[in-house]
Every structure is written in C-alpha cells, then in structure tokens.
Amino acid sequence: MPILHCIYGWSWSLVDGDTMNEAQVLVTLIDDLNALRAEMVREEAALEARMGAICAVHREGARNLAHYIALRRNDIRDLQEKLIANGLSSLGRAEADVLGAVDAVLKVLRILVGEQKIADPSKNTAYEMSCHGWALLESNTDALLGSPPRNRNVRIMVTMPSEAASDFGLVRDLLLTGMDCMRIHFSHGQPTQQRF
C-alpha cells in the first residue's frame, strides 16, 4: 500500500513498490484535467467576441456558463470515478466556479506528484471564488425565478407534455403540488396544442 510522505512540510511524494503505478495514475488524471481545462478556456475564448453584447454584470456568469458547457459536453463519469478513488473532488458540484473547481483539483494533484509546493492556506482564494460563485448563482436564480418557496430552497421547473395544452387540470395539479415554473418544449406536439 502506498504511503504519502511529507518532505520538510512542503511537498508530498509516494513511497513503496507501487510508486510508479500510483504516480502514473495521478499524472494521467492531471493530463485528463488539463485537456478538459483547455476545452473550457477555448469555449470562453469563443465567447469573448460576443462578450460586449452581454450586460457587464452578467459577464462573469457567462464565462462560468461557457466553462460549465465545456465540462458537461464531455462524459466525465470515468474521470469522476478515478478522482473519487484517489480521494479527490468528483467535480459534481462545480457549477458555481467550474474553472476554479478544476484548478483546485489540479493543484492538489500537482502537490501529490511533487510538481507544486503546498500554498499558504491564508492565501486561498479558491474558496472565496467558490463562495462568490454560489452567491452569484443564488442571486441570479432569485432574479429570474423569484424567491424560493418557504418550505424548500429549490425551484421546480416542469417540461410540459403536449396534453397540458388541453388539460387545465394537469397544469392546476402541477401548480398545487409545487411547480414553480414550466417549460414548453415546442419540438413536440402540434402548433395548435402549443397555445396555453
């Protein structure tokens, strides 16, 4: 079993007979995350040409959304399993600061393979950025959907089936059971059914 070994309190190294295999797993994770990060940065760069058309207060969120789209465009389940197996974040709750979450995992991996020193914890801006990201998401959600209901902190959006156009009872029942907003999927049903 590999043992993490601290050298002078600043760097970590793996020691035992499986060192090369364990280190290679971590290096592969670094490579995979670097490729994912590069895709996020490319997605953000593609957005930059249109950034002027986005209200200034929403530009940070637009960049984060570009990173999120790049992340979710990929099937990262295998990567997530490998991250979890190595005691790292699966990036499953990265939506508040997607690039920051990837960078935080990369930082830990680089420390584990000895590429980077452990930073002074008092200078940890990743946590502050994540908190800022969550506050921004909450603020934008409230602005778009209103305050959350008293009994829960989430909103329920329902994609309406075609029958909802002619079934008032269905819509009423969904509202009475907690639906906060609805989405109409116009690629289904007939145009006459899409008049609510």
N, C-alpha and C. Protein backbone atom coordinates (compact mmCIF):
# COMPACT_ATOMS: atom_id res chain seq x y z
N MET A 1 0.84 -1.18 0.00
CA MET A 1 0.00 0.00 0.00
C MET A 1 0.89 1.25 0.00
N PRO A 2 0.63 2.21 -0.90
CA PRO A 2 1.43 3.43 -0.96
C PRO A 2 1.25 4.28 0.29
N ILE A 3 2.27 4.97 0.66
CA ILE A 3 2.23 5.87 1.81
C ILE A 3 2.59 7.26 1.31
N LEU A 4 1.78 8.26 1.69
CA LEU A 4 2.15 9.63 1.36
C LEU A 4 3.19 10.09 2.35
N HIS A 5 4.22 10.66 1.84
CA HIS A 5 5.38 11.01 2.65
C HIS A 5 5.63 12.51 2.50
N CYS A 6 5.66 13.20 3.62
CA CYS A 6 5.86 14.65 3.61
C CYS A 6 7.35 14.96 3.75
N ILE A 7 7.84 15.81 2.86
CA ILE A 7 9.25 16.20 2.90
C ILE A 7 9.32 17.67 3.34
N TYR A 8 9.90 17.92 4.48
CA TYR A 8 10.07 19.27 5.02
C TYR A 8 8.76 20.04 5.13
N GLY A 9 7.62 19.33 5.19
CA GLY A 9 6.35 20.00 5.35
C GLY A 9 5.84 20.71 4.11
N TRP A 10 6.54 20.60 2.99
CA TRP A 10 6.12 21.36 1.81
C TRP A 10 5.76 20.52 0.60
N SER A 11 6.30 19.35 0.46
CA SER A 11 5.95 18.57 -0.73
C SER A 11 5.64 17.14 -0.33
N TRP A 12 4.88 16.47 -1.16
CA TRP A 12 4.44 15.11 -0.89
C TRP A 12 5.00 14.19 -1.96
N SER A 13 5.34 12.99 -1.57
CA SER A 13 5.79 12.01 -2.55
C SER A 13 5.25 10.64 -2.16
N LEU A 14 5.05 9.79 -3.15
CA LEU A 14 4.58 8.43 -2.90
C LEU A 14 5.79 7.53 -2.71
N VAL A 15 5.73 6.67 -1.71
CA VAL A 15 6.84 5.75 -1.50
C VAL A 15 6.33 4.34 -1.28
N ASP A 16 6.85 3.39 -1.96
CA ASP A 16 6.75 1.94 -1.80
C ASP A 16 6.90 1.31 -3.18
N GLY A 17 6.65 0.01 -3.28
CA GLY A 17 6.86 -0.70 -4.54
C GLY A 17 5.92 -0.28 -5.65
N ASP A 18 4.76 0.28 -5.32
CA ASP A 18 3.78 0.68 -6.33
C ASP A 18 3.88 2.16 -6.70
N THR A 19 4.97 2.79 -6.31
CA THR A 19 5.12 4.23 -6.52
C THR A 19 4.89 4.65 -7.96
N MET A 20 5.51 3.95 -8.90
CA MET A 20 5.38 4.34 -10.30
C MET A 20 3.95 4.21 -10.79
N ASN A 21 3.27 3.12 -10.42
CA ASN A 21 1.89 2.94 -10.85
C ASN A 21 0.98 4.01 -10.27
N GLU A 22 1.12 4.27 -8.97
CA GLU A 22 0.30 5.28 -8.31
C GLU A 22 0.58 6.66 -8.90
N ALA A 23 1.84 6.98 -9.08
CA ALA A 23 2.20 8.28 -9.64
C ALA A 23 1.68 8.42 -11.06
N GLN A 24 1.72 7.33 -11.84
CA GLN A 24 1.24 7.39 -13.22
C GLN A 24 -0.27 7.64 -13.27
N VAL A 25 -1.01 7.06 -12.34
CA VAL A 25 -2.45 7.32 -12.26
C VAL A 25 -2.70 8.81 -12.03
N LEU A 26 -1.94 9.39 -11.12
CA LEU A 26 -2.10 10.82 -10.81
C LEU A 26 -1.69 11.68 -12.00
N VAL A 27 -0.61 11.32 -12.68
CA VAL A 27 -0.17 12.07 -13.86
C VAL A 27 -1.22 11.99 -14.96
N THR A 28 -1.83 10.82 -15.13
CA THR A 28 -2.89 10.65 -16.13
C THR A 28 -4.08 11.53 -15.78
N LEU A 29 -4.42 11.61 -14.51
CA LEU A 29 -5.51 12.49 -14.08
C LEU A 29 -5.17 13.95 -14.38
N ILE A 30 -3.93 14.33 -14.14
CA ILE A 30 -3.51 15.70 -14.47
C ILE A 30 -3.67 15.96 -15.96
N ASP A 31 -3.23 15.01 -16.78
CA ASP A 31 -3.35 15.16 -18.23
C ASP A 31 -4.81 15.29 -18.66
N ASP A 32 -5.67 14.44 -18.10
CA ASP A 32 -7.10 14.47 -18.45
C ASP A 32 -7.73 15.79 -18.03
N LEU A 33 -7.41 16.25 -16.83
CA LEU A 33 -7.97 17.53 -16.37
C LEU A 33 -7.41 18.71 -17.15
N ASN A 34 -6.14 18.65 -17.52
CA ASN A 34 -5.57 19.72 -18.35
C ASN A 34 -6.27 19.80 -19.70
N ALA A 35 -6.60 18.65 -20.28
CA ALA A 35 -7.31 18.64 -21.57
C ALA A 35 -8.71 19.22 -21.40
N LEU A 36 -9.39 18.87 -20.32
CA LEU A 36 -10.72 19.40 -20.04
C LEU A 36 -10.65 20.90 -19.79
N ARG A 37 -9.63 21.33 -19.05
CA ARG A 37 -9.44 22.76 -18.77
C ARG A 37 -9.19 23.53 -20.06
N ALA A 38 -8.37 22.97 -20.95
CA ALA A 38 -8.08 23.63 -22.22
C ALA A 38 -9.36 23.81 -23.03
N GLU A 39 -10.24 22.82 -22.99
CA GLU A 39 -11.52 22.94 -23.70
C GLU A 39 -12.37 24.05 -23.10
N MET A 40 -12.35 24.18 -21.78
CA MET A 40 -13.10 25.25 -21.12
C MET A 40 -12.57 26.62 -21.54
N VAL A 41 -11.26 26.75 -21.58
CA VAL A 41 -10.63 28.02 -21.97
C VAL A 41 -10.96 28.34 -23.43
N ARG A 42 -10.96 27.33 -24.30
CA ARG A 42 -11.35 27.55 -25.71
C ARG A 42 -12.79 28.01 -25.81
N GLU A 43 -13.67 27.41 -25.02
CA GLU A 43 -15.09 27.79 -25.03
C GLU A 43 -15.25 29.24 -24.58
N GLU A 44 -14.49 29.62 -23.56
CA GLU A 44 -14.53 31.02 -23.09
C GLU A 44 -13.99 31.96 -24.16
N ALA A 45 -12.91 31.58 -24.83
CA ALA A 45 -12.33 32.42 -25.89
C ALA A 45 -13.32 32.61 -27.03
N ALA A 46 -14.08 31.57 -27.35
CA ALA A 46 -15.09 31.69 -28.41
C ALA A 46 -16.19 32.67 -28.02
N LEU A 47 -16.44 32.79 -26.74
CA LEU A 47 -17.47 33.70 -26.24
C LEU A 47 -16.99 35.15 -26.22
N GLU A 48 -15.69 35.37 -26.11
CA GLU A 48 -15.15 36.72 -25.94
C GLU A 48 -15.60 37.69 -27.03
N ALA A 49 -15.73 37.22 -28.28
CA ALA A 49 -16.14 38.10 -29.37
C ALA A 49 -17.53 38.67 -29.14
N ARG A 50 -18.37 37.93 -28.41
CA ARG A 50 -19.75 38.38 -28.14
C ARG A 50 -19.91 38.98 -26.75
N MET A 51 -18.84 39.05 -26.00
CA MET A 51 -18.93 39.50 -24.62
C MET A 51 -19.48 40.92 -24.49
N GLY A 52 -19.18 41.78 -25.47
CA GLY A 52 -19.68 43.15 -25.42
C GLY A 52 -21.20 43.24 -25.46
N ALA A 53 -21.85 42.25 -26.03
CA ALA A 53 -23.32 42.24 -26.11
C ALA A 53 -23.96 41.75 -24.81
N ILE A 54 -23.15 41.24 -23.90
CA ILE A 54 -23.66 40.73 -22.63
C ILE A 54 -23.53 41.83 -21.58
N CYS A 55 -24.60 42.04 -20.85
CA CYS A 55 -24.60 43.05 -19.78
C CYS A 55 -23.39 42.81 -18.87
N ALA A 56 -22.71 43.89 -18.52
CA ALA A 56 -21.47 43.79 -17.74
C ALA A 56 -21.62 42.98 -16.45
N VAL A 57 -22.75 43.09 -15.78
CA VAL A 57 -22.93 42.37 -14.52
C VAL A 57 -23.09 40.87 -14.74
N HIS A 58 -23.32 40.44 -15.97
CA HIS A 58 -23.52 39.02 -16.25
C HIS A 58 -22.34 38.38 -16.98
N ARG A 59 -21.29 39.14 -17.24
CA ARG A 59 -20.15 38.59 -18.00
C ARG A 59 -19.42 37.48 -17.24
N GLU A 60 -19.23 37.67 -15.96
CA GLU A 60 -18.57 36.64 -15.15
C GLU A 60 -19.38 35.34 -15.19
N GLY A 61 -20.70 35.48 -15.05
CA GLY A 61 -21.57 34.31 -15.12
C GLY A 61 -21.56 33.67 -16.50
N ALA A 62 -21.46 34.50 -17.55
CA ALA A 62 -21.40 33.97 -18.92
C ALA A 62 -20.13 33.16 -19.13
N ARG A 63 -19.02 33.65 -18.59
CA ARG A 63 -17.76 32.89 -18.69
C ARG A 63 -17.88 31.56 -17.96
N ASN A 64 -18.45 31.59 -16.77
CA ASN A 64 -18.62 30.37 -16.00
C ASN A 64 -19.56 29.40 -16.72
N LEU A 65 -20.61 29.94 -17.36
CA LEU A 65 -21.51 29.09 -18.12
C LEU A 65 -20.78 28.44 -19.29
N ALA A 66 -19.90 29.17 -19.95
CA ALA A 66 -19.09 28.59 -21.04
C ALA A 66 -18.24 27.44 -20.50
N HIS A 67 -17.66 27.61 -19.32
CA HIS A 67 -16.86 26.55 -18.71
C HIS A 67 -17.74 25.35 -18.37
N TYR A 68 -18.92 25.62 -17.85
CA TYR A 68 -19.85 24.56 -17.47
C TYR A 68 -20.29 23.75 -18.70
N ILE A 69 -20.60 24.46 -19.78
CA ILE A 69 -21.00 23.78 -21.02
C ILE A 69 -19.86 22.89 -21.53
N ALA A 70 -18.65 23.40 -21.49
CA ALA A 70 -17.50 22.59 -21.92
C ALA A 70 -17.34 21.36 -21.04
N LEU A 71 -17.52 21.51 -19.74
CA LEU A 71 -17.42 20.38 -18.82
C LEU A 71 -18.49 19.34 -19.12
N ARG A 72 -19.73 19.77 -19.23
CA ARG A 72 -20.86 18.85 -19.39
C ARG A 72 -20.98 18.29 -20.80
N ARG A 73 -20.30 18.89 -21.75
CA ARG A 73 -20.29 18.37 -23.11
C ARG A 73 -19.56 17.03 -23.16
N ASN A 74 -18.76 16.78 -22.16
CA ASN A 74 -17.96 15.55 -22.08
C ASN A 74 -18.61 14.56 -21.12
N ASP A 75 -18.44 13.30 -21.41
CA ASP A 75 -18.85 12.26 -20.47
C ASP A 75 -17.67 12.06 -19.52
N ILE A 76 -17.77 12.63 -18.34
CA ILE A 76 -16.64 12.59 -17.41
C ILE A 76 -16.84 11.57 -16.30
N ARG A 77 -17.78 10.65 -16.48
CA ARG A 77 -18.04 9.66 -15.41
C ARG A 77 -16.81 8.84 -15.07
N ASP A 78 -16.06 8.40 -16.06
CA ASP A 78 -14.84 7.61 -15.79
C ASP A 78 -13.82 8.46 -15.03
N LEU A 79 -13.65 9.70 -15.47
CA LEU A 79 -12.74 10.62 -14.79
C LEU A 79 -13.20 10.84 -13.35
N GLN A 80 -14.49 11.03 -13.15
CA GLN A 80 -15.01 11.26 -11.80
C GLN A 80 -14.73 10.06 -10.89
N GLU A 81 -14.93 8.85 -11.42
CA GLU A 81 -14.65 7.66 -10.62
C GLU A 81 -13.18 7.59 -10.21
N LYS A 82 -12.29 7.94 -11.13
CA LYS A 82 -10.86 7.93 -10.82
C LYS A 82 -10.51 9.01 -9.79
N LEU A 83 -11.13 10.17 -9.92
CA LEU A 83 -10.88 11.24 -8.94
C LEU A 83 -11.33 10.80 -7.55
N ILE A 84 -12.52 10.24 -7.47
CA ILE A 84 -13.06 9.78 -6.19
C ILE A 84 -12.17 8.68 -5.60
N ALA A 85 -11.73 7.76 -6.43
CA ALA A 85 -10.88 6.65 -5.97
C ALA A 85 -9.56 7.16 -5.37
N ASN A 86 -9.17 8.38 -5.75
CA ASN A 86 -7.94 8.96 -5.23
C ASN A 86 -8.20 10.03 -4.18
N GLY A 87 -9.44 10.05 -3.66
CA GLY A 87 -9.78 10.97 -2.58
C GLY A 87 -9.94 12.41 -3.00
N LEU A 88 -10.26 12.64 -4.26
CA LEU A 88 -10.37 13.99 -4.79
C LEU A 88 -11.82 14.33 -5.14
N SER A 89 -12.08 15.60 -5.34
CA SER A 89 -13.41 16.04 -5.74
C SER A 89 -13.79 15.44 -7.09
N SER A 90 -15.04 15.02 -7.22
CA SER A 90 -15.53 14.46 -8.48
C SER A 90 -15.98 15.55 -9.45
N LEU A 91 -15.93 16.80 -9.04
CA LEU A 91 -16.41 17.95 -9.82
C LEU A 91 -17.92 17.91 -9.99
N GLY A 92 -18.59 17.13 -9.17
CA GLY A 92 -20.04 17.00 -9.27
C GLY A 92 -20.81 18.24 -8.84
N ARG A 93 -20.20 19.09 -8.06
CA ARG A 93 -20.86 20.33 -7.60
C ARG A 93 -20.00 21.53 -7.99
N ALA A 94 -19.53 21.54 -9.20
CA ALA A 94 -18.60 22.58 -9.65
C ALA A 94 -19.29 23.78 -10.29
N GLU A 95 -20.61 23.75 -10.40
CA GLU A 95 -21.28 24.77 -11.21
C GLU A 95 -21.08 26.22 -10.77
N ALA A 96 -20.74 26.47 -9.53
CA ALA A 96 -20.55 27.85 -9.07
C ALA A 96 -19.27 28.47 -9.60
N ASP A 97 -18.24 27.69 -9.78
CA ASP A 97 -16.94 28.18 -10.29
C ASP A 97 -16.26 26.99 -10.96
N VAL A 98 -16.69 26.69 -12.17
CA VAL A 98 -16.27 25.46 -12.85
C VAL A 98 -14.76 25.43 -13.06
N LEU A 99 -14.21 26.47 -13.64
CA LEU A 99 -12.77 26.50 -13.89
C LEU A 99 -11.99 26.47 -12.57
N GLY A 100 -12.48 27.18 -11.57
CA GLY A 100 -11.84 27.17 -10.26
C GLY A 100 -11.84 25.80 -9.62
N ALA A 101 -12.93 25.04 -9.80
CA ALA A 101 -13.00 23.69 -9.24
C ALA A 101 -11.98 22.78 -9.91
N VAL A 102 -11.87 22.88 -11.23
CA VAL A 102 -10.89 22.07 -11.95
C VAL A 102 -9.48 22.46 -11.52
N ASP A 103 -9.23 23.77 -11.41
CA ASP A 103 -7.92 24.24 -10.98
C ASP A 103 -7.57 23.77 -9.57
N ALA A 104 -8.56 23.72 -8.68
CA ALA A 104 -8.31 23.27 -7.31
C ALA A 104 -7.90 21.79 -7.29
N VAL A 105 -8.57 20.96 -8.09
CA VAL A 105 -8.21 19.54 -8.15
C VAL A 105 -6.82 19.39 -8.79
N LEU A 106 -6.57 20.16 -9.84
CA LEU A 106 -5.24 20.11 -10.46
C LEU A 106 -4.16 20.50 -9.47
N LYS A 107 -4.43 21.49 -8.66
CA LYS A 107 -3.44 21.94 -7.66
C LYS A 107 -3.09 20.81 -6.69
N VAL A 108 -4.11 20.12 -6.19
CA VAL A 108 -3.87 19.02 -5.26
C VAL A 108 -3.09 17.91 -5.95
N LEU A 109 -3.48 17.58 -7.19
CA LEU A 109 -2.75 16.54 -7.93
C LEU A 109 -1.29 16.91 -8.12
N ARG A 110 -1.03 18.17 -8.46
CA ARG A 110 0.36 18.62 -8.66
C ARG A 110 1.16 18.56 -7.37
N ILE A 111 0.50 18.83 -6.26
CA ILE A 111 1.18 18.71 -4.97
C ILE A 111 1.51 17.24 -4.71
N LEU A 112 0.56 16.35 -4.99
CA LEU A 112 0.77 14.92 -4.74
C LEU A 112 1.91 14.33 -5.56
N VAL A 113 2.10 14.83 -6.79
CA VAL A 113 3.19 14.29 -7.62
C VAL A 113 4.47 15.10 -7.46
N GLY A 114 4.45 16.10 -6.58
CA GLY A 114 5.66 16.87 -6.30
C GLY A 114 5.95 17.98 -7.28
N GLU A 115 4.99 18.35 -8.12
CA GLU A 115 5.20 19.44 -9.08
C GLU A 115 4.97 20.82 -8.47
N GLN A 116 4.30 20.87 -7.33
CA GLN A 116 3.93 22.15 -6.75
C GLN A 116 4.03 22.06 -5.24
N LYS A 117 4.43 23.16 -4.61
CA LYS A 117 4.50 23.20 -3.15
C LYS A 117 3.12 23.49 -2.59
N ILE A 118 2.93 23.12 -1.33
CA ILE A 118 1.69 23.44 -0.65
C ILE A 118 1.68 24.93 -0.38
N ALA A 119 0.59 25.57 -0.82
CA ALA A 119 0.49 27.03 -0.67
C ALA A 119 0.12 27.40 0.76
N ASP A 120 0.38 28.64 1.08
CA ASP A 120 -0.01 29.19 2.37
C ASP A 120 -1.54 29.21 2.42
N PRO A 121 -2.16 28.50 3.38
CA PRO A 121 -3.62 28.42 3.41
C PRO A 121 -4.30 29.77 3.60
N SER A 122 -3.60 30.77 4.16
CA SER A 122 -4.20 32.08 4.34
C SER A 122 -4.39 32.82 3.02
N LYS A 123 -3.76 32.30 1.96
CA LYS A 123 -3.87 32.94 0.65
C LYS A 123 -4.78 32.15 -0.29
N ASN A 124 -5.69 31.36 0.27
CA ASN A 124 -6.58 30.52 -0.53
C ASN A 124 -7.73 31.34 -1.08
N THR A 125 -7.62 31.72 -2.34
CA THR A 125 -8.70 32.48 -2.98
C THR A 125 -9.70 31.56 -3.66
N ALA A 126 -9.37 30.29 -3.85
CA ALA A 126 -10.29 29.34 -4.50
C ALA A 126 -11.59 29.23 -3.70
N TYR A 127 -11.46 29.14 -2.39
CA TYR A 127 -12.65 29.06 -1.54
C TYR A 127 -13.49 30.33 -1.66
N GLU A 128 -12.84 31.48 -1.65
CA GLU A 128 -13.55 32.74 -1.78
C GLU A 128 -14.25 32.84 -3.13
N MET A 129 -13.58 32.38 -4.20
CA MET A 129 -14.19 32.41 -5.52
C MET A 129 -15.40 31.48 -5.59
N SER A 130 -15.31 30.32 -4.97
CA SER A 130 -16.42 29.39 -4.96
C SER A 130 -17.61 29.99 -4.21
N CYS A 131 -17.36 30.60 -3.06
CA CYS A 131 -18.43 31.25 -2.30
C CYS A 131 -19.06 32.37 -3.11
N HIS A 132 -18.23 33.15 -3.78
CA HIS A 132 -18.73 34.22 -4.65
C HIS A 132 -19.58 33.64 -5.77
N GLY A 133 -19.13 32.53 -6.36
CA GLY A 133 -19.88 31.89 -7.43
C GLY A 133 -21.24 31.41 -6.97
N TRP A 134 -21.29 30.78 -5.78
CA TRP A 134 -22.58 30.31 -5.25
C TRP A 134 -23.50 31.48 -4.96
N ALA A 135 -22.97 32.57 -4.42
CA ALA A 135 -23.80 33.75 -4.15
C ALA A 135 -24.34 34.34 -5.45
N LEU A 136 -23.51 34.37 -6.48
CA LEU A 136 -23.93 34.87 -7.79
C LEU A 136 -25.03 33.98 -8.38
N LEU A 137 -24.86 32.67 -8.31
CA LEU A 137 -25.90 31.76 -8.80
C LEU A 137 -27.22 31.97 -8.06
N GLU A 138 -27.13 32.09 -6.75
CA GLU A 138 -28.35 32.29 -5.96
C GLU A 138 -29.03 33.60 -6.30
N SER A 139 -28.25 34.66 -6.44
CA SER A 139 -28.79 35.97 -6.80
C SER A 139 -29.46 35.94 -8.17
N ASN A 140 -28.80 35.33 -9.14
CA ASN A 140 -29.38 35.26 -10.50
C ASN A 140 -30.63 34.39 -10.52
N THR A 141 -30.63 33.31 -9.75
CA THR A 141 -31.81 32.44 -9.68
C THR A 141 -32.99 33.20 -9.07
N ASP A 142 -32.74 33.95 -7.99
CA ASP A 142 -33.80 34.75 -7.38
C ASP A 142 -34.31 35.81 -8.34
N ALA A 143 -33.41 36.44 -9.08
CA ALA A 143 -33.82 37.48 -10.04
C ALA A 143 -34.68 36.89 -11.16
N LEU A 144 -34.35 35.69 -11.59
CA LEU A 144 -35.08 35.06 -12.69
C LEU A 144 -36.37 34.40 -12.23
N LEU A 145 -36.32 33.70 -11.10
CA LEU A 145 -37.46 32.88 -10.68
C LEU A 145 -38.17 33.38 -9.43
N GLY A 146 -37.67 34.44 -8.84
CA GLY A 146 -38.24 34.93 -7.60
C GLY A 146 -37.67 34.20 -6.40
N SER A 147 -38.08 34.61 -5.23
CA SER A 147 -37.59 33.98 -4.00
C SER A 147 -38.06 32.53 -3.94
N PRO A 148 -37.28 31.69 -3.29
CA PRO A 148 -37.69 30.28 -3.18
C PRO A 148 -38.92 30.15 -2.28
N PRO A 149 -39.71 29.10 -2.48
CA PRO A 149 -40.85 28.86 -1.58
C PRO A 149 -40.37 28.67 -0.15
N ARG A 150 -41.24 28.89 0.81
CA ARG A 150 -40.85 28.81 2.22
C ARG A 150 -40.37 27.42 2.63
N ASN A 151 -40.96 26.38 2.08
CA ASN A 151 -40.67 25.03 2.56
C ASN A 151 -39.51 24.35 1.85
N ARG A 152 -38.85 25.03 0.90
CA ARG A 152 -37.71 24.42 0.21
C ARG A 152 -36.84 25.53 -0.39
N ASN A 153 -35.59 25.21 -0.69
CA ASN A 153 -34.69 26.21 -1.25
C ASN A 153 -34.41 25.98 -2.73
N VAL A 154 -35.21 25.15 -3.37
CA VAL A 154 -35.08 24.91 -4.81
C VAL A 154 -36.39 25.28 -5.50
N ARG A 155 -36.31 25.52 -6.79
CA ARG A 155 -37.50 25.75 -7.60
C ARG A 155 -37.73 24.51 -8.45
N ILE A 156 -38.98 24.24 -8.73
CA ILE A 156 -39.32 23.08 -9.55
C ILE A 156 -39.82 23.57 -10.90
N MET A 157 -39.08 23.20 -11.94
CA MET A 157 -39.49 23.52 -13.30
C MET A 157 -39.92 22.22 -13.98
N VAL A 158 -41.07 22.26 -14.62
CA VAL A 158 -41.61 21.07 -15.28
C VAL A 158 -41.65 21.33 -16.78
N THR A 159 -41.13 20.39 -17.56
CA THR A 159 -41.28 20.44 -19.00
C THR A 159 -42.65 19.88 -19.30
N MET A 160 -43.50 20.73 -19.87
CA MET A 160 -44.90 20.36 -20.06
C MET A 160 -45.08 19.39 -21.22
N PRO A 161 -45.91 18.37 -21.01
CA PRO A 161 -46.24 17.48 -22.12
C PRO A 161 -47.27 18.15 -23.03
N SER A 162 -47.43 17.65 -24.23
CA SER A 162 -48.37 18.23 -25.18
C SER A 162 -49.79 18.27 -24.62
N GLU A 163 -50.16 17.26 -23.81
CA GLU A 163 -51.52 17.21 -23.26
C GLU A 163 -51.85 18.43 -22.41
N ALA A 164 -50.84 19.08 -21.87
CA ALA A 164 -51.09 20.21 -20.98
C ALA A 164 -51.82 21.35 -21.69
N ALA A 165 -51.71 21.42 -23.02
CA ALA A 165 -52.38 22.48 -23.78
C ALA A 165 -53.89 22.37 -23.67
N SER A 166 -54.40 21.17 -23.48
CA SER A 166 -55.85 20.99 -23.42
C SER A 166 -56.32 20.43 -22.08
N ASP A 167 -55.41 20.26 -21.14
CA ASP A 167 -55.76 19.68 -19.85
C ASP A 167 -55.44 20.65 -18.73
N PHE A 168 -56.38 21.57 -18.47
CA PHE A 168 -56.18 22.56 -17.43
C PHE A 168 -55.94 21.89 -16.08
N GLY A 169 -56.61 20.79 -15.84
CA GLY A 169 -56.47 20.07 -14.57
C GLY A 169 -55.04 19.62 -14.32
N LEU A 170 -54.35 19.19 -15.37
CA LEU A 170 -52.96 18.77 -15.25
C LEU A 170 -52.09 19.94 -14.79
N VAL A 171 -52.28 21.09 -15.44
CA VAL A 171 -51.49 22.28 -15.08
C VAL A 171 -51.81 22.71 -13.66
N ARG A 172 -53.11 22.73 -13.31
CA ARG A 172 -53.52 23.12 -11.95
C ARG A 172 -52.90 22.18 -10.92
N ASP A 173 -52.97 20.87 -11.18
CA ASP A 173 -52.42 19.90 -10.23
C ASP A 173 -50.91 20.07 -10.06
N LEU A 174 -50.21 20.35 -11.15
CA LEU A 174 -48.76 20.57 -11.05
C LEU A 174 -48.47 21.81 -10.21
N LEU A 175 -49.24 22.87 -10.41
CA LEU A 175 -49.06 24.08 -9.61
C LEU A 175 -49.35 23.81 -8.13
N LEU A 176 -50.42 23.09 -7.86
CA LEU A 176 -50.80 22.80 -6.47
C LEU A 176 -49.79 21.88 -5.77
N THR A 177 -49.07 21.07 -6.53
CA THR A 177 -48.10 20.17 -5.91
C THR A 177 -46.69 20.72 -5.90
N GLY A 178 -46.53 22.00 -6.31
CA GLY A 178 -45.23 22.63 -6.12
C GLY A 178 -44.50 23.14 -7.34
N MET A 179 -45.06 22.99 -8.54
CA MET A 179 -44.37 23.51 -9.72
C MET A 179 -44.25 25.03 -9.61
N ASP A 180 -43.04 25.54 -9.80
CA ASP A 180 -42.80 26.98 -9.75
C ASP A 180 -42.84 27.62 -11.13
N CYS A 181 -42.37 26.90 -12.12
CA CYS A 181 -42.40 27.42 -13.49
C CYS A 181 -42.45 26.24 -14.45
N MET A 182 -42.85 26.53 -15.68
CA MET A 182 -42.94 25.46 -16.66
C MET A 182 -42.16 25.83 -17.90
N ARG A 183 -41.78 24.79 -18.59
CA ARG A 183 -41.04 24.94 -19.83
C ARG A 183 -41.87 24.24 -20.90
N ILE A 184 -42.03 24.92 -22.02
CA ILE A 184 -42.79 24.34 -23.13
C ILE A 184 -41.80 23.88 -24.18
N HIS A 185 -41.87 22.63 -24.52
CA HIS A 185 -40.95 22.02 -25.49
C HIS A 185 -41.65 22.05 -26.84
N PHE A 186 -41.30 23.03 -27.69
CA PHE A 186 -42.02 23.25 -28.94
C PHE A 186 -41.67 22.26 -30.04
N SER A 187 -40.75 21.39 -29.83
CA SER A 187 -40.44 20.42 -30.88
C SER A 187 -41.37 19.21 -30.82
N HIS A 188 -42.25 19.17 -29.82
CA HIS A 188 -43.23 18.09 -29.69
C HIS A 188 -44.63 18.66 -29.86
N GLY A 189 -45.54 17.83 -30.31
CA GLY A 189 -46.93 18.24 -30.43
C GLY A 189 -47.19 19.08 -31.66
N GLN A 190 -48.41 19.51 -31.78
CA GLN A 190 -48.87 20.31 -32.92
C GLN A 190 -48.90 21.79 -32.53
N PRO A 191 -48.74 22.70 -33.49
CA PRO A 191 -48.78 24.13 -33.15
C PRO A 191 -50.06 24.55 -32.43
N THR A 192 -51.18 23.92 -32.77
CA THR A 192 -52.43 24.28 -32.09
C THR A 192 -52.43 23.84 -30.63
N GLN A 193 -51.64 22.82 -30.29
CA GLN A 193 -51.54 22.36 -28.92
C GLN A 193 -50.63 23.26 -28.07
N GLN A 194 -49.87 24.10 -28.73
CA GLN A 194 -48.89 24.90 -28.01
C GLN A 194 -49.43 26.25 -27.59
N ARG A 195 -50.74 26.44 -27.70
CA ARG A 195 -51.36 27.68 -27.25
C ARG A 195 -51.92 27.46 -25.86
N PHE A 196 -51.28 28.03 -24.88
CA PHE A 196 -51.74 27.86 -23.49
C PHE A 196 -52.62 28.99 -23.09
